[in-house]
PDB file of all heavy atoms in Angstrom:
ATOM      1  N   GLY A   1     -11.629   1.282   5.806  1.00  0.00           N
ATOM      2  CA  GLY A   1     -11.580   1.679   7.200  1.00  0.00           C
ATOM      3  C   GLY A   1     -10.203   1.775   7.822  1.00  0.00           C
ATOM      4  O   GLY A   1     -10.086   1.932   9.036  1.00  0.00           O
ATOM      5  N   PHE A   2      -9.155   1.713   7.016  1.00  0.00           N
ATOM      6  CA  PHE A   2      -7.809   1.851   7.580  1.00  0.00           C
ATOM      7  C   PHE A   2      -7.493   3.316   7.887  1.00  0.00           C
ATOM      8  O   PHE A   2      -6.596   3.610   8.682  1.00  0.00           O
ATOM      9  CB  PHE A   2      -6.780   1.261   6.615  1.00  0.00           C
ATOM     10  CG  PHE A   2      -6.866  -0.238   6.517  1.00  0.00           C
ATOM     11  CD1 PHE A   2      -7.614  -0.840   5.516  1.00  0.00           C
ATOM     12  CD2 PHE A   2      -6.242  -1.049   7.448  1.00  0.00           C
ATOM     13  CE1 PHE A   2      -7.722  -2.222   5.426  1.00  0.00           C
ATOM     14  CE2 PHE A   2      -6.336  -2.434   7.371  1.00  0.00           C
ATOM     15  CZ  PHE A   2      -7.082  -3.024   6.356  1.00  0.00           C
ATOM     16  N   CYS A   3      -8.220   4.227   7.254  1.00  0.00           N
ATOM     17  CA  CYS A   3      -8.143   5.651   7.576  1.00  0.00           C
ATOM     18  C   CYS A   3      -9.436   6.289   7.085  1.00  0.00           C
ATOM     19  O   CYS A   3     -10.222   5.652   6.368  1.00  0.00           O
ATOM     20  CB  CYS A   3      -6.920   6.319   6.952  1.00  0.00           C
ATOM     21  SG  CYS A   3      -6.889   6.285   5.141  1.00  0.00           S
ATOM     22  N   ALA A   4      -9.685   7.515   7.473  1.00  0.00           N
ATOM     23  CA  ALA A   4     -10.921   8.192   7.090  1.00  0.00           C
ATOM     24  C   ALA A   4     -10.852   8.668   5.642  1.00  0.00           C
ATOM     25  O   ALA A   4      -9.764   8.825   5.063  1.00  0.00           O
ATOM     26  CB  ALA A   4     -11.170   9.379   8.016  1.00  0.00           C
ATOM     27  N   LYS A   5     -12.016   8.916   5.038  1.00  0.00           N
ATOM     28  CA  LYS A   5     -12.063   9.416   3.673  1.00  0.00           C
ATOM     29  C   LYS A   5     -11.338  10.750   3.569  1.00  0.00           C
ATOM     30  O   LYS A   5     -11.515  11.640   4.393  1.00  0.00           O
ATOM     31  CB  LYS A   5     -13.524   9.587   3.225  1.00  0.00           C
ATOM     32  CG  LYS A   5     -13.715  10.194   1.845  1.00  0.00           C
ATOM     33  CD  LYS A   5     -12.942   9.453   0.755  1.00  0.00           C
ATOM     34  CE  LYS A   5     -13.448   8.057   0.478  1.00  0.00           C
ATOM     35  NZ  LYS A   5     -12.687   7.380  -0.619  1.00  0.00           N
ATOM     36  N   GLY A   6     -10.465  10.838   2.581  1.00  0.00           N
ATOM     37  CA  GLY A   6      -9.662  12.037   2.372  1.00  0.00           C
ATOM     38  C   GLY A   6      -8.334  12.016   3.088  1.00  0.00           C
ATOM     39  O   GLY A   6      -7.501  12.900   2.871  1.00  0.00           O
ATOM     40  N   GLU A   7      -8.095  11.000   3.947  1.00  0.00           N
ATOM     41  CA  GLU A   7      -6.848  10.922   4.709  1.00  0.00           C
ATOM     42  C   GLU A   7      -5.871   9.908   4.136  1.00  0.00           C
ATOM     43  O   GLU A   7      -4.864   9.587   4.761  1.00  0.00           O
ATOM     44  CB  GLU A   7      -7.156  10.581   6.170  1.00  0.00           C
ATOM     45  CG  GLU A   7      -7.937  11.680   6.890  1.00  0.00           C
ATOM     46  CD  GLU A   7      -8.210  11.341   8.348  1.00  0.00           C
ATOM     47  OE1 GLU A   7      -7.747  10.271   8.810  1.00  0.00           O
ATOM     48  OE2 GLU A   7      -8.889  12.142   9.017  1.00  0.00           O
ATOM     49  N   GLY A   8      -6.162   9.406   2.937  1.00  0.00           N
ATOM     50  CA  GLY A   8      -5.296   8.398   2.331  1.00  0.00           C
ATOM     51  C   GLY A   8      -3.876   8.871   2.113  1.00  0.00           C
ATOM     52  O   GLY A   8      -2.917   8.136   2.355  1.00  0.00           O
ATOM     53  N   ALA A   9      -3.718  10.113   1.658  1.00  0.00           N
ATOM     54  CA  ALA A   9      -2.374  10.631   1.403  1.00  0.00           C
ATOM     55  C   ALA A   9      -1.569  10.718   2.698  1.00  0.00           C
ATOM     56  O   ALA A   9      -0.395  10.320   2.746  1.00  0.00           O
ATOM     57  CB  ALA A   9      -2.459  12.000   0.734  1.00  0.00           C
ATOM     58  N   GLU A  10      -2.180  11.223   3.745  1.00  0.00           N
ATOM     59  CA  GLU A  10      -1.490  11.301   5.031  1.00  0.00           C
ATOM     60  C   GLU A  10      -1.174   9.910   5.570  1.00  0.00           C
ATOM     61  O   GLU A  10      -0.126   9.689   6.172  1.00  0.00           O
ATOM     62  CB  GLU A  10      -2.358  12.072   6.037  1.00  0.00           C
ATOM     63  CG  GLU A  10      -1.741  12.214   7.419  1.00  0.00           C
ATOM     64  CD  GLU A  10      -0.391  12.903   7.406  1.00  0.00           C
ATOM     65  OE1 GLU A  10      -0.154  13.764   6.526  1.00  0.00           O
ATOM     66  OE2 GLU A  10       0.452  12.567   8.282  1.00  0.00           O
ATOM     67  N   PHE A  11      -2.076   8.954   5.341  1.00  0.00           N
ATOM     68  CA  PHE A  11      -1.847   7.570   5.764  1.00  0.00           C
ATOM     69  C   PHE A  11      -0.596   7.005   5.093  1.00  0.00           C
ATOM     70  O   PHE A  11       0.239   6.366   5.729  1.00  0.00           O
ATOM     71  CB  PHE A  11      -3.068   6.720   5.421  1.00  0.00           C
ATOM     72  CG  PHE A  11      -2.975   5.288   5.865  1.00  0.00           C
ATOM     73  CD1 PHE A  11      -3.315   4.932   7.155  1.00  0.00           C
ATOM     74  CD2 PHE A  11      -2.562   4.298   4.978  1.00  0.00           C
ATOM     75  CE1 PHE A  11      -3.236   3.602   7.568  1.00  0.00           C
ATOM     76  CE2 PHE A  11      -2.471   2.977   5.379  1.00  0.00           C
ATOM     77  CZ  PHE A  11      -2.821   2.632   6.679  1.00  0.00           C
ATOM     78  N   VAL A  12      -0.465   7.257   3.802  1.00  0.00           N
ATOM     79  CA  VAL A  12       0.692   6.771   3.054  1.00  0.00           C
ATOM     80  C   VAL A  12       1.983   7.430   3.552  1.00  0.00           C
ATOM     81  O   VAL A  12       3.036   6.789   3.654  1.00  0.00           O
ATOM     82  CB  VAL A  12       0.491   7.019   1.547  1.00  0.00           C
ATOM     83  CG1 VAL A  12       1.777   6.796   0.773  1.00  0.00           C
ATOM     84  CG2 VAL A  12      -0.618   6.123   1.009  1.00  0.00           C
ATOM     85  N   ARG A  13       1.897   8.708   3.894  1.00  0.00           N
ATOM     86  CA  ARG A  13       3.090   9.404   4.388  1.00  0.00           C
ATOM     87  C   ARG A  13       3.552   8.849   5.734  1.00  0.00           C
ATOM     88  O   ARG A  13       4.745   8.882   6.047  1.00  0.00           O
ATOM     89  CB  ARG A  13       2.799  10.901   4.532  1.00  0.00           C
ATOM     90  CG  ARG A  13       2.508  11.617   3.215  1.00  0.00           C
ATOM     91  CD  ARG A  13       1.923  13.000   3.462  1.00  0.00           C
ATOM     92  NE  ARG A  13       1.283  13.542   2.253  1.00  0.00           N
ATOM     93  CZ  ARG A  13       0.398  14.523   2.261  1.00  0.00           C
ATOM     94  NH1 ARG A  13       0.037  15.103   3.412  1.00  0.00           N
ATOM     95  NH2 ARG A  13      -0.137  14.942   1.135  1.00  0.00           N
ATOM     96  N   ARG A  14       2.623   8.344   6.532  1.00  0.00           N
ATOM     97  CA  ARG A  14       2.944   7.903   7.899  1.00  0.00           C
ATOM     98  C   ARG A  14       3.329   6.437   7.992  1.00  0.00           C
ATOM     99  O   ARG A  14       3.782   5.998   9.052  1.00  0.00           O
ATOM    100  CB  ARG A  14       1.742   8.150   8.818  1.00  0.00           C
ATOM    101  CG  ARG A  14       1.459   9.607   9.130  1.00  0.00           C
ATOM    102  CD  ARG A  14       0.401   9.759  10.206  1.00  0.00           C
ATOM    103  NE  ARG A  14      -0.944   9.429   9.731  1.00  0.00           N
ATOM    104  CZ  ARG A  14      -1.606   8.333  10.060  1.00  0.00           C
ATOM    105  NH1 ARG A  14      -1.050   7.423  10.865  1.00  0.00           N
ATOM    106  NH2 ARG A  14      -2.823   8.110   9.592  1.00  0.00           N
ATOM    107  N   HIS A  15       3.154   5.673   6.907  1.00  0.00           N
ATOM    108  CA  HIS A  15       3.376   4.226   7.005  1.00  0.00           C
ATOM    109  C   HIS A  15       4.384   3.728   5.976  1.00  0.00           C
ATOM    110  O   HIS A  15       4.517   4.289   4.885  1.00  0.00           O
ATOM    111  CB  HIS A  15       2.058   3.470   6.828  1.00  0.00           C
ATOM    112  CG  HIS A  15       1.113   3.627   7.985  1.00  0.00           C
ATOM    113  ND1 HIS A  15       1.283   2.966   9.181  1.00  0.00           N
ATOM    114  CD2 HIS A  15      -0.005   4.372   8.131  1.00  0.00           C
ATOM    115  CE1 HIS A  15       0.306   3.292  10.011  1.00  0.00           C
ATOM    116  NE2 HIS A  15      -0.486   4.154   9.401  1.00  0.00           N
ATOM    117  N   ASP A  16       5.060   2.657   6.356  1.00  0.00           N
ATOM    118  CA  ASP A  16       5.980   1.944   5.466  1.00  0.00           C
ATOM    119  C   ASP A  16       5.208   0.767   4.873  1.00  0.00           C
ATOM    120  O   ASP A  16       4.807  -0.150   5.592  1.00  0.00           O
ATOM    121  CB  ASP A  16       7.186   1.450   6.280  1.00  0.00           C
ATOM    122  CG  ASP A  16       8.220   0.723   5.427  1.00  0.00           C
ATOM    123  OD1 ASP A  16       7.906   0.330   4.290  1.00  0.00           O
ATOM    124  OD2 ASP A  16       9.344   0.517   5.927  1.00  0.00           O
ATOM    125  N   LEU A  17       5.001   0.781   3.567  1.00  0.00           N
ATOM    126  CA  LEU A  17       4.144  -0.199   2.904  1.00  0.00           C
ATOM    127  C   LEU A  17       4.911  -1.411   2.389  1.00  0.00           C
ATOM    128  O   LEU A  17       4.335  -2.258   1.701  1.00  0.00           O
ATOM    129  CB  LEU A  17       3.406   0.459   1.731  1.00  0.00           C
ATOM    130  CG  LEU A  17       2.641   1.757   2.022  1.00  0.00           C
ATOM    131  CD1 LEU A  17       1.914   2.231   0.769  1.00  0.00           C
ATOM    132  CD2 LEU A  17       1.655   1.582   3.166  1.00  0.00           C
ATOM    133  N   THR A  18       6.183  -1.533   2.729  1.00  0.00           N
ATOM    134  CA  THR A  18       6.981  -2.653   2.242  1.00  0.00           C
ATOM    135  C   THR A  18       6.789  -3.889   3.118  1.00  0.00           C
ATOM    136  O   THR A  18       6.176  -3.836   4.186  1.00  0.00           O
ATOM    137  CB  THR A  18       8.469  -2.293   2.190  1.00  0.00           C
ATOM    138  OG1 THR A  18       8.926  -2.008   3.528  1.00  0.00           O
ATOM    139  CG2 THR A  18       8.715  -1.081   1.302  1.00  0.00           C
ATOM    140  N   ILE A  19       7.328  -5.005   2.672  1.00  0.00           N
ATOM    141  CA  ILE A  19       7.165  -6.289   3.352  1.00  0.00           C
ATOM    142  C   ILE A  19       7.604  -6.208   4.807  1.00  0.00           C
ATOM    143  O   ILE A  19       6.947  -6.763   5.695  1.00  0.00           O
ATOM    144  CB  ILE A  19       7.957  -7.385   2.604  1.00  0.00           C
ATOM    145  CG1 ILE A  19       7.296  -7.652   1.242  1.00  0.00           C
ATOM    146  CG2 ILE A  19       8.051  -8.664   3.428  1.00  0.00           C
ATOM    147  CD1 ILE A  19       8.132  -8.476   0.297  1.00  0.00           C
ATOM    148  N   GLY A  20       8.691  -5.512   5.065  1.00  0.00           N
ATOM    149  CA  GLY A  20       9.194  -5.406   6.429  1.00  0.00           C
ATOM    150  C   GLY A  20       8.701  -4.184   7.173  1.00  0.00           C
ATOM    151  O   GLY A  20       9.128  -3.922   8.300  1.00  0.00           O
ATOM    152  N   GLY A  21       7.767  -3.433   6.568  1.00  0.00           N
ATOM    153  CA  GLY A  21       7.294  -2.194   7.169  1.00  0.00           C
ATOM    154  C   GLY A  21       6.178  -2.406   8.169  1.00  0.00           C
ATOM    155  O   GLY A  21       5.777  -3.537   8.478  1.00  0.00           O
ATOM    156  N   ASP A  22       5.639  -1.278   8.674  1.00  0.00           N
ATOM    157  CA  ASP A  22       4.584  -1.353   9.681  1.00  0.00           C
ATOM    158  C   ASP A  22       3.203  -1.552   9.071  1.00  0.00           C
ATOM    159  O   ASP A  22       2.232  -1.798   9.795  1.00  0.00           O
ATOM    160  CB  ASP A  22       4.596  -0.094  10.561  1.00  0.00           C
ATOM    161  CG  ASP A  22       4.320   1.180   9.767  1.00  0.00           C
ATOM    162  OD1 ASP A  22       4.583   1.200   8.553  1.00  0.00           O
ATOM    163  OD2 ASP A  22       3.847   2.159  10.381  1.00  0.00           O
ATOM    164  N   PHE A  23       3.085  -1.479   7.740  1.00  0.00           N
ATOM    165  CA  PHE A  23       1.810  -1.720   7.077  1.00  0.00           C
ATOM    166  C   PHE A  23       2.087  -2.428   5.745  1.00  0.00           C
ATOM    167  O   PHE A  23       2.040  -1.825   4.674  1.00  0.00           O
ATOM    168  CB  PHE A  23       1.066  -0.399   6.844  1.00  0.00           C
ATOM    169  CG  PHE A  23      -0.362  -0.572   6.389  1.00  0.00           C
ATOM    170  CD1 PHE A  23      -1.361  -0.881   7.298  1.00  0.00           C
ATOM    171  CD2 PHE A  23      -0.699  -0.438   5.050  1.00  0.00           C
ATOM    172  CE1 PHE A  23      -2.677  -1.055   6.879  1.00  0.00           C
ATOM    173  CE2 PHE A  23      -2.009  -0.601   4.621  1.00  0.00           C
ATOM    174  CZ  PHE A  23      -3.004  -0.911   5.540  1.00  0.00           C
ATOM    175  N   PRO A  24       2.388  -3.723   5.779  1.00  0.00           N
ATOM    176  CA  PRO A  24       2.720  -4.458   4.540  1.00  0.00           C
ATOM    177  C   PRO A  24       1.538  -4.464   3.571  1.00  0.00           C
ATOM    178  O   PRO A  24       0.429  -4.861   3.922  1.00  0.00           O
ATOM    179  CB  PRO A  24       3.034  -5.872   5.045  1.00  0.00           C
ATOM    180  CG  PRO A  24       3.358  -5.718   6.499  1.00  0.00           C
ATOM    181  CD  PRO A  24       2.508  -4.583   6.977  1.00  0.00           C
ATOM    182  N   HIS A  25       1.818  -4.025   2.358  1.00  0.00           N
ATOM    183  CA  HIS A  25       0.749  -3.821   1.369  1.00  0.00           C
ATOM    184  C   HIS A  25       1.210  -4.337   0.012  1.00  0.00           C
ATOM    185  O   HIS A  25       2.326  -4.054  -0.423  1.00  0.00           O
ATOM    186  CB  HIS A  25       0.416  -2.323   1.280  1.00  0.00           C
ATOM    187  CG  HIS A  25      -0.484  -1.953   0.143  1.00  0.00           C
ATOM    188  ND1 HIS A  25      -0.056  -1.204  -0.932  1.00  0.00           N
ATOM    189  CD2 HIS A  25      -1.797  -2.240  -0.096  1.00  0.00           C
ATOM    190  CE1 HIS A  25      -1.055  -1.037  -1.779  1.00  0.00           C
ATOM    191  NE2 HIS A  25      -2.119  -1.649  -1.299  1.00  0.00           N
ATOM    192  N   ASN A  26       0.359  -5.113  -0.639  1.00  0.00           N
ATOM    193  CA  ASN A  26       0.660  -5.676  -1.961  1.00  0.00           C
ATOM    194  C   ASN A  26       2.068  -6.258  -1.998  1.00  0.00           C
ATOM    195  O   ASN A  26       2.948  -5.821  -2.747  1.00  0.00           O
ATOM    196  CB  ASN A  26       0.445  -4.625  -3.046  1.00  0.00           C
ATOM    197  CG  ASN A  26      -1.033  -4.373  -3.302  1.00  0.00           C
ATOM    198  OD1 ASN A  26      -1.905  -5.054  -2.763  1.00  0.00           O
ATOM    199  ND2 ASN A  26      -1.332  -3.383  -4.118  1.00  0.00           N
ATOM    200  N   THR A  27       2.241  -7.283  -1.172  1.00  0.00           N
ATOM    201  CA  THR A  27       3.575  -7.817  -0.886  1.00  0.00           C
ATOM    202  C   THR A  27       4.224  -8.526  -2.064  1.00  0.00           C
ATOM    203  O   THR A  27       5.447  -8.661  -2.091  1.00  0.00           O
ATOM    204  CB  THR A  27       3.489  -8.775   0.318  1.00  0.00           C
ATOM    205  OG1 THR A  27       2.385  -9.693   0.116  1.00  0.00           O
ATOM    206  CG2 THR A  27       3.237  -8.001   1.601  1.00  0.00           C
ATOM    207  N   SER A  28       3.440  -8.964  -3.052  1.00  0.00           N
ATOM    208  CA  SER A  28       4.040  -9.577  -4.239  1.00  0.00           C
ATOM    209  C   SER A  28       4.637  -8.533  -5.173  1.00  0.00           C
ATOM    210  O   SER A  28       5.398  -8.863  -6.077  1.00  0.00           O
ATOM    211  CB  SER A  28       2.995 -10.393  -5.002  1.00  0.00           C
ATOM    212  OG  SER A  28       2.033  -9.533  -5.595  1.00  0.00           O
ATOM    213  N   GLY A  29       4.287  -7.281  -4.956  1.00  0.00           N
ATOM    214  CA  GLY A  29       4.607  -6.207  -5.884  1.00  0.00           C
ATOM    215  C   GLY A  29       3.366  -5.688  -6.572  1.00  0.00           C
ATOM    216  O   GLY A  29       3.372  -4.619  -7.177  1.00  0.00           O
ATOM    217  N   GLY A  30       2.278  -6.474  -6.473  1.00  0.00           N
ATOM    218  CA  GLY A  30       1.023  -6.052  -7.077  1.00  0.00           C
ATOM    219  C   GLY A  30       1.111  -5.943  -8.584  1.00  0.00           C
ATOM    220  O   GLY A  30       2.157  -6.180  -9.198  1.00  0.00           O
ATOM    221  N   GLN A  31       0.019  -5.576  -9.201  1.00  0.00           N
ATOM    222  CA  GLN A  31       0.007  -5.460 -10.655  1.00  0.00           C
ATOM    223  C   GLN A  31       0.962  -4.387 -11.162  1.00  0.00           C
ATOM    224  O   GLN A  31       1.491  -4.491 -12.268  1.00  0.00           O
ATOM    225  CB  GLN A  31      -1.410  -5.127 -11.127  1.00  0.00           C
ATOM    226  CG  GLN A  31      -2.427  -6.216 -10.843  1.00  0.00           C
ATOM    227  CD  GLN A  31      -3.809  -5.793 -11.268  1.00  0.00           C
ATOM    228  OE1 GLN A  31      -4.236  -6.085 -12.385  1.00  0.00           O
ATOM    229  NE2 GLN A  31      -4.500  -5.082 -10.396  1.00  0.00           N
ATOM    230  N   LEU A  32       1.189  -3.348 -10.360  1.00  0.00           N
ATOM    231  CA  LEU A  32       2.067  -2.260 -10.795  1.00  0.00           C
ATOM    232  C   LEU A  32       3.476  -2.739 -11.086  1.00  0.00           C
ATOM    233  O   LEU A  32       4.192  -2.129 -11.891  1.00  0.00           O
ATOM    234  CB  LEU A  32       2.095  -1.150  -9.742  1.00  0.00           C
ATOM    235  CG  LEU A  32       0.825  -0.305  -9.633  1.00  0.00           C
ATOM    236  CD1 LEU A  32       0.897   0.601  -8.412  1.00  0.00           C
ATOM    237  CD2 LEU A  32       0.611   0.522 -10.898  1.00  0.00           C
ATOM    238  N   SER A  33       3.902  -3.832 -10.434  1.00  0.00           N
ATOM    239  CA  SER A  33       5.252  -4.337 -10.673  1.00  0.00           C
ATOM    240  C   SER A  33       5.297  -5.793 -11.109  1.00  0.00           C
ATOM    241  O   SER A  33       6.256  -6.215 -11.738  1.00  0.00           O
ATOM    242  CB  SER A  33       6.116  -4.155  -9.418  1.00  0.00           C
ATOM    243  OG  SER A  33       6.500  -2.805  -9.247  1.00  0.00           O
ATOM    244  N   VAL A  34       4.277  -6.580 -10.776  1.00  0.00           N
ATOM    245  CA  VAL A  34       4.230  -7.969 -11.251  1.00  0.00           C
ATOM    246  C   VAL A  34       3.693  -8.014 -12.671  1.00  0.00           C
ATOM    247  O   VAL A  34       4.132  -8.806 -13.497  1.00  0.00           O
ATOM    248  CB  VAL A  34       3.364  -8.841 -10.317  1.00  0.00           C
ATOM    249  CG1 VAL A  34       3.233 -10.263 -10.871  1.00  0.00           C
ATOM    250  CG2 VAL A  34       3.965  -8.894  -8.918  1.00  0.00           C
ATOM    251  N   GLY A  35       2.726  -7.134 -12.978  1.00  0.00           N
ATOM    252  CA  GLY A  35       2.068  -7.111 -14.272  1.00  0.00           C
ATOM    253  C   GLY A  35       0.587  -7.391 -14.115  1.00  0.00           C
ATOM    254  O   GLY A  35       0.132  -7.879 -13.080  1.00  0.00           O
ATOM    255  N   GLN A  36      -0.168  -7.043 -15.157  1.00  0.00           N
ATOM    256  CA  GLN A  36      -1.615  -7.273 -15.152  1.00  0.00           C
ATOM    257  C   GLN A  36      -1.961  -8.266 -16.248  1.00  0.00           C
ATOM    258  O   GLN A  36      -2.024  -7.929 -17.426  1.00  0.00           O
ATOM    259  CB  GLN A  36      -2.391  -5.973 -15.371  1.00  0.00           C
ATOM    260  CG  GLN A  36      -3.902  -6.157 -15.264  1.00  0.00           C
ATOM    261  CD  GLN A  36      -4.675  -4.899 -15.594  1.00  0.00           C
ATOM    262  OE1 GLN A  36      -4.600  -4.391 -16.710  1.00  0.00           O
ATOM    263  NE2 GLN A  36      -5.411  -4.376 -14.628  1.00  0.00           N
ATOM    264  N   ALA A  37      -2.199  -9.511 -15.827  1.00  0.00           N
ATOM    265  CA  ALA A  37      -2.542 -10.566 -16.784  1.00  0.00           C
ATOM    266  C   ALA A  37      -4.056 -10.631 -16.949  1.00  0.00           C
ATOM    267  O   ALA A  37      -4.707 -11.621 -16.618  1.00  0.00           O
ATOM    268  CB  ALA A  37      -1.990 -11.900 -16.312  1.00  0.00           C
ATOM    269  N   GLY A  38      -4.634  -9.549 -17.444  1.00  0.00           N
ATOM    270  CA  GLY A  38      -6.064  -9.497 -17.675  1.00  0.00           C
ATOM    271  C   GLY A  38      -6.857  -9.732 -16.402  1.00  0.00           C
ATOM    272  O   GLY A  38      -6.577  -9.158 -15.351  1.00  0.00           O
TER     273      GLY A  38
END
């Protein structure tokens, strides 16, 4: 519910997803950068 279906790409373009941004997301770095331990 953070945006409507199909609007995810536009949502990403409009927001800063970093720790200091307006929409902090996966602040540890998430699996993409921390790693996936099963």
